[in-house]
Amino acid sequence: MEMLTVTDLRKRFGEKEILKGVNLAVPKGSVFGFIGKNGAGKTTAMKTVLGLLRADSGEITVNERRVTYGQTVTNREIGYLPDVPEFYSFMTAREYLVFCGEVTGMAGDGLSRRVSELLELVGLADATHRVKGFSRGMKQRLGIAQALLNRPKLLICDEPTSALDPIGRKEILDLLLAVRERTTVLFSTHILSDVERICTDVAFLHNGTVCLQGPLSEVKARYRTEEYLLELAAAEDLPVLLEVFSGMRQDGASRLYFREGAQTLFELLGFLTDRKIPILRLERLEPTLETLFMEVVEK
């Protein structure tokens, strides 16, 4: 069952067509990575899902309810964290969340308990100083707390880790993984290692269309290649292998990468054994999202 579906979504700004028929299906309970280069149209797609931009054509549904531009009924089920969230800097985190809750009709002990729960969840329970003194990572965590205030069924985050240091990125990724039990998570990014760490499903956006999507494990299996890393004990043995086995590529003084093709792995092992060439490592490499993305977009 899908929490979000996007069908043949198109959007043009003047002469430039940004979205050229985007199709997307985000399963309920997933952590969904929406991958694309900077400027690929990820933010445009997300703002259209939120009803903030008018689509030229196509259809969007959130929890089986159709999204209509300017009518944000579906946004009652969505929490949104923009790439650069803005706050009232003179408030504390608690004051800000209480204010946001009151704006949406929450009040009393229920609001107070919810705010305390979220501050604990995002690690800001002890942050009593004003938001103007928050780090970028603290602001991102506060933004996630605000997005979760009304218990949304879909949490959308636009490049939530792009400007953070490694520690800040880890904190945000751990938080997104933790809230999966409460809500479906969709986040856009160009940092592929973040996706590999926490996502269950992915979609690649390239040239205005989704060129590949599905469960991360299935996507990797579909594009699995028999690529190997061979590390030699002695660098002087490397020229011999490069001469005998075509298609090998050198990386550093003693490492070679190759795929099974004209020669098989067993032929290589036989060659190494016959000539008593010592090796340090022979490893079959798992495909990374980076190699998959490059392979897909270069087709």
Protein backbone atom coordinates (compact mmCIF):
# COMPACT_ATOMS: atom_id res chain seq x y z
CA MET A 1 0.00 0.00 0.00
CA GLU A 2 1.36 3.41 -1.00
CA MET A 3 1.38 6.47 1.24
CA LEU A 4 2.27 8.71 -1.72
CA THR A 5 1.75 8.21 -5.44
CA VAL A 6 2.82 10.58 -8.19
CA THR A 7 1.62 9.89 -11.73
CA ASP A 8 3.03 11.56 -14.86
CA LEU A 9 3.85 14.79 -13.02
CA ARG A 10 4.99 17.63 -15.26
CA LYS A 11 6.12 21.14 -14.37
CA ARG A 12 7.64 23.87 -16.50
CA PHE A 13 9.11 27.25 -15.54
CA GLY A 14 9.04 29.41 -18.65
CA GLU A 15 10.88 27.59 -21.41
CA LYS A 16 12.53 25.10 -19.05
CA GLU A 17 10.71 21.85 -18.32
CA ILE A 18 11.83 20.66 -14.87
CA LEU A 19 9.60 17.61 -14.36
CA LYS A 20 8.95 15.56 -17.50
CA GLY A 21 6.49 12.93 -16.39
CA VAL A 22 7.59 11.88 -12.90
CA ASN A 23 6.12 8.65 -11.53
CA LEU A 24 6.67 7.76 -7.90
CA ALA A 25 5.27 5.26 -5.41
CA VAL A 26 6.24 5.58 -1.74
CA PRO A 27 5.15 2.55 0.36
CA LYS A 28 3.65 3.04 3.80
CA GLY A 29 6.15 2.52 6.59
CA SER A 30 9.18 3.03 4.34
CA VAL A 31 12.19 5.32 4.59
CA PHE A 32 12.28 6.49 0.99
CA GLY A 33 15.35 8.14 -0.53
CA PHE A 34 14.60 10.54 -3.40
CA ILE A 35 17.97 10.80 -5.14
CA GLY A 36 19.15 13.31 -7.68
CA LYS A 37 21.85 15.82 -8.46
CA ASN A 38 21.49 19.41 -7.30
CA GLY A 39 19.00 21.08 -9.61
CA ALA A 40 17.40 17.81 -10.70
CA GLY A 41 13.93 18.94 -9.62
CA LYS A 42 13.59 17.22 -6.24
CA THR A 43 12.43 20.36 -4.42
CA THR A 44 10.02 21.22 -7.22
CA ALA A 45 8.48 17.76 -6.96
CA MET A 46 8.14 18.01 -3.19
CA LYS A 47 6.55 21.44 -3.26
CA THR A 48 4.05 20.15 -5.80
CA VAL A 49 3.23 17.24 -3.46
CA LEU A 50 2.59 19.84 -0.76
CA GLY A 51 0.25 21.80 -3.03
CA LEU A 52 2.55 24.82 -2.96
CA LEU A 53 3.23 24.66 -6.71
CA ARG A 54 0.68 24.07 -9.44
CA ALA A 55 1.47 21.07 -11.62
CA ASP A 56 1.13 21.51 -15.37
CA SER A 57 -0.30 18.00 -15.53
CA GLY A 58 -0.33 14.74 -13.62
CA GLU A 59 -1.88 13.46 -10.42
CA ILE A 60 -0.66 13.20 -6.82
CA THR A 61 -2.32 11.32 -3.96
CA VAL A 62 -1.38 11.26 -0.28
CA ASN A 63 -2.88 8.38 1.68
CA GLU A 64 -5.31 7.86 -1.24
CA ARG A 65 -6.49 11.49 -1.20
CA ARG A 66 -5.80 13.67 -4.20
CA VAL A 67 -3.56 16.73 -3.81
CA THR A 68 -4.97 19.98 -5.20
CA TYR A 69 -2.96 23.18 -5.59
CA GLY A 70 -3.89 25.79 -3.00
CA GLN A 71 -6.15 23.40 -1.08
CA THR A 72 -3.99 21.86 1.61
CA VAL A 73 -6.38 19.31 3.10
CA THR A 74 -3.85 16.56 2.42
CA ASN A 75 -1.18 18.55 4.27
CA ARG A 76 -2.92 17.66 7.52
CA GLU A 77 -1.29 14.27 7.06
CA ILE A 78 2.14 15.64 6.07
CA GLY A 79 5.03 16.99 8.11
CA TYR A 80 7.56 19.03 6.12
CA LEU A 81 11.15 20.04 6.80
CA PRO A 82 12.58 22.41 4.13
CA ASP A 83 16.27 22.40 3.31
CA VAL A 84 16.77 25.64 5.27
CA PRO A 85 14.14 25.81 8.04
CA GLU A 86 13.36 29.22 9.54
CA PHE A 87 12.44 29.91 13.16
CA TYR A 88 11.64 32.79 15.48
CA SER A 89 15.14 33.15 16.86
CA PHE A 90 14.04 34.89 20.09
CA MET A 91 12.08 31.80 21.20
CA THR A 92 13.32 28.68 22.94
CA ALA A 93 12.71 25.28 21.34
CA ARG A 94 9.81 24.63 23.72
CA GLU A 95 8.25 28.05 23.11
CA TYR A 96 8.50 27.55 19.37
CA LEU A 97 6.85 24.13 19.41
CA VAL A 98 4.08 25.36 21.72
CA PHE A 99 3.49 28.28 19.37
CA CYS A 100 3.30 25.97 16.33
CA GLY A 101 0.92 23.66 18.17
CA GLU A 102 -1.40 26.50 19.15
CA VAL A 103 -1.47 27.75 15.55
CA THR A 104 -2.77 24.33 14.48
CA GLY A 105 -5.39 24.14 17.23
CA MET A 106 -3.55 22.12 19.86
CA ALA A 107 -3.77 23.30 23.47
CA GLY A 108 -3.49 22.46 27.15
CA ASP A 109 -1.87 19.42 28.72
CA GLY A 110 -2.04 17.47 25.46
CA LEU A 111 0.13 20.03 23.69
CA SER A 112 2.55 20.26 26.63
CA ARG A 113 3.00 16.48 26.74
CA ARG A 114 3.48 16.30 22.98
CA VAL A 115 6.12 19.04 23.03
CA SER A 116 8.00 17.32 25.87
CA GLU A 117 7.86 14.00 24.02
CA LEU A 118 9.26 15.52 20.83
CA LEU A 119 12.01 17.48 22.56
CA GLU A 120 13.12 14.24 24.18
CA LEU A 121 12.94 12.41 20.86
CA VAL A 122 15.14 14.93 19.02
CA GLY A 123 17.59 15.42 21.88
CA LEU A 124 16.64 19.02 22.76
CA ALA A 125 14.96 18.46 26.12
CA ASP A 126 17.82 20.24 27.90
CA ALA A 127 18.25 23.04 25.32
CA THR A 128 16.76 26.01 27.19
CA HIS A 129 18.55 28.84 25.36
CA ARG A 130 17.16 30.80 22.44
CA VAL A 131 17.03 29.32 18.95
CA LYS A 132 19.38 32.05 17.68
CA GLY A 133 22.17 30.22 19.54
CA PHE A 134 21.41 26.82 17.98
CA SER A 135 23.83 25.05 15.66
CA ARG A 136 22.66 24.01 12.19
CA GLY A 137 22.20 20.44 13.41
CA MET A 138 20.09 21.57 16.39
CA LYS A 139 17.91 23.62 14.06
CA GLN A 140 17.40 20.60 11.80
CA ARG A 141 16.37 18.52 14.81
CA LEU A 142 13.97 21.22 15.95
CA GLY A 143 12.57 21.34 12.42
CA ILE A 144 11.90 17.61 12.52
CA ALA A 145 10.17 17.99 15.90
CA GLN A 146 7.95 20.72 14.46
CA ALA A 147 7.17 18.57 11.40
CA LEU A 148 6.13 15.68 13.68
CA LEU A 149 4.00 17.82 16.02
CA ASN A 150 0.64 16.76 14.58
CA ARG A 151 1.59 13.10 14.18
CA PRO A 152 1.74 13.16 10.37
CA LYS A 153 1.45 9.99 8.34
CA LEU A 154 4.10 11.25 5.90
CA LEU A 155 7.27 13.15 6.84
CA ILE A 156 8.95 14.96 3.92
CA CYS A 157 12.49 16.28 4.39
CA ASP A 158 14.30 18.25 1.70
CA GLU A 159 18.08 17.67 1.83
CA PRO A 160 18.07 17.33 5.65
CA THR A 161 21.80 16.53 5.98
CA SER A 162 23.41 18.48 3.14
CA ALA A 163 24.99 21.25 5.25
CA LEU A 164 25.84 19.26 8.36
CA ASP A 165 29.12 17.92 9.68
CA PRO A 166 29.52 14.13 10.08
CA ILE A 167 28.22 14.12 13.66
CA GLY A 168 25.21 16.26 12.75
CA ARG A 169 24.45 14.03 9.76
CA LYS A 170 24.55 10.92 11.93
CA GLU A 171 22.18 12.49 14.46
CA ILE A 172 19.63 13.41 11.78
CA LEU A 173 19.85 10.03 10.05
CA ASP A 174 19.39 8.19 13.34
CA LEU A 175 16.38 10.37 14.07
CA LEU A 176 14.78 9.72 10.67
CA LEU A 177 15.30 6.00 11.17
CA ALA A 178 13.75 6.17 14.65
CA VAL A 179 10.56 7.93 13.51
CA ARG A 180 9.89 5.27 10.88
CA GLU A 181 7.82 3.45 13.51
CA ARG A 182 5.50 6.47 13.62
CA THR A 183 5.41 7.77 10.05
CA THR A 184 6.49 7.12 6.48
CA VAL A 185 9.64 9.12 5.70
CA LEU A 186 10.50 10.62 2.31
CA PHE A 187 13.71 12.60 2.05
CA SER A 188 15.54 14.05 -0.91
CA THR A 189 19.30 14.02 -1.08
CA HIS A 190 22.37 13.91 -3.29
CA ILE A 191 24.45 12.28 -0.54
CA LEU A 192 24.19 8.63 -1.52
CA SER A 193 25.90 7.21 1.55
CA ASP A 194 23.05 8.61 3.67
CA VAL A 195 20.54 6.69 1.58
CA GLU A 196 22.48 3.44 1.84
CA ARG A 197 22.57 3.78 5.59
CA ILE A 198 18.86 4.13 6.41
CA CYS A 199 16.61 3.78 3.36
CA THR A 200 14.36 0.85 2.55
CA ASP A 201 13.35 2.20 -0.88
CA VAL A 202 14.87 4.59 -3.41
CA ALA A 203 14.11 6.51 -6.59
CA PHE A 204 16.59 8.15 -8.96
CA LEU A 205 15.50 11.45 -10.52
CA HIS A 206 17.42 12.35 -13.66
CA ASN A 207 16.59 14.66 -16.58
CA GLY A 208 13.13 15.32 -15.19
CA THR A 209 12.03 11.70 -14.85
CA VAL A 210 12.41 8.86 -12.36
CA CYS A 211 14.77 6.49 -14.14
CA LEU A 212 14.89 3.79 -11.45
CA GLN A 213 12.99 3.04 -8.27
CA GLY A 214 12.15 0.21 -5.90
CA PRO A 215 13.29 -1.44 -2.66
CA LEU A 216 16.98 -0.73 -2.14
CA SER A 217 17.87 -4.43 -1.90
CA GLU A 218 16.11 -5.19 -5.19
CA VAL A 219 17.67 -2.22 -6.97
CA LYS A 220 21.13 -3.39 -5.92
CA ALA A 221 20.40 -6.98 -6.93
CA ARG A 222 19.10 -5.88 -10.33
CA TYR A 223 22.32 -4.05 -11.12
CA ARG A 224 24.72 -6.42 -9.43
CA THR A 225 27.92 -6.78 -11.42
CA GLU A 226 30.68 -9.32 -10.96
CA GLU A 227 33.38 -6.79 -10.19
CA TYR A 228 36.40 -7.79 -8.13
CA LEU A 229 39.24 -6.15 -6.30
CA LEU A 230 42.63 -7.87 -6.41
CA GLU A 231 45.38 -6.57 -4.16
CA LEU A 232 48.87 -7.94 -4.78
CA ALA A 233 51.55 -8.44 -2.16
CA ALA A 234 54.24 -7.10 -4.49
CA ALA A 235 53.71 -4.16 -6.84
CA GLU A 236 56.23 -5.55 -9.36
CA ASP A 237 53.79 -8.35 -10.25
CA LEU A 238 51.14 -5.89 -11.41
CA PRO A 239 52.48 -5.22 -14.98
CA VAL A 240 52.39 -8.96 -15.75
CA LEU A 241 48.70 -9.18 -14.90
CA LEU A 242 47.85 -6.04 -16.83
CA GLU A 243 49.57 -7.48 -19.89
CA VAL A 244 47.91 -10.91 -19.75
CA PHE A 245 44.39 -9.97 -18.62
CA SER A 246 42.60 -7.36 -20.66
CA GLY A 247 40.05 -5.08 -19.01
CA MET A 248 41.83 -4.77 -15.70
CA ARG A 249 42.28 -1.27 -14.32
CA GLN A 250 44.92 -0.18 -11.89
CA ASP A 251 44.25 1.69 -8.66
CA GLY A 252 47.35 2.57 -6.69
CA ALA A 253 50.59 0.67 -6.68
CA SER A 254 49.26 -2.86 -6.15
CA ARG A 255 45.48 -2.93 -6.61
CA LEU A 256 43.53 -4.03 -9.67
CA TYR A 257 39.81 -3.94 -10.46
CA PHE A 258 38.27 -6.26 -13.03
CA ARG A 259 35.02 -7.84 -14.17
CA GLU A 260 34.55 -11.34 -15.42
CA GLY A 261 34.51 -11.23 -19.18
CA ALA A 262 37.01 -12.67 -21.64
CA GLN A 263 38.80 -14.30 -18.71
CA THR A 264 37.04 -15.97 -15.81
CA LEU A 265 37.90 -15.74 -12.15
CA PHE A 266 39.13 -19.32 -12.21
CA GLU A 267 41.54 -18.55 -15.05
CA LEU A 268 42.95 -15.68 -13.02
CA LEU A 269 43.34 -17.86 -9.93
CA GLY A 270 45.09 -20.51 -12.01
CA PHE A 271 47.47 -17.91 -13.43
CA LEU A 272 48.30 -16.60 -9.94
CA THR A 273 48.86 -20.13 -8.63
CA ASP A 274 51.04 -21.30 -11.55
CA ARG A 275 53.35 -18.30 -11.20
CA LYS A 276 53.22 -18.27 -7.40
CA ILE A 277 52.15 -14.62 -7.32
CA PRO A 278 51.23 -13.78 -3.71
CA ILE A 279 48.09 -11.73 -3.07
CA LEU A 280 46.80 -9.83 -0.05
CA ARG A 281 43.15 -9.71 -0.99
CA LEU A 282 40.65 -10.91 -3.58
CA GLU A 283 37.16 -9.57 -3.02
CA ARG A 284 33.91 -9.45 -4.95
CA LEU A 285 32.56 -5.92 -4.65
CA GLU A 286 28.98 -5.10 -3.79
CA PRO A 287 27.48 -2.38 -5.99
CA THR A 288 27.16 1.02 -4.30
CA LEU A 289 24.42 3.53 -4.97
CA GLU A 290 27.05 5.81 -6.47
CA THR A 291 28.07 3.23 -9.07
CA LEU A 292 24.42 2.34 -9.73
CA PHE A 293 23.44 5.97 -10.17
CA MET A 294 26.30 6.65 -12.56
CA GLU A 295 25.48 3.50 -14.53
CA VAL A 296 21.80 4.42 -14.83
CA VAL A 297 22.23 8.09 -15.74
CA GLU A 298 24.95 7.39 -18.31
CA LYS A 299 22.79 4.97 -20.31
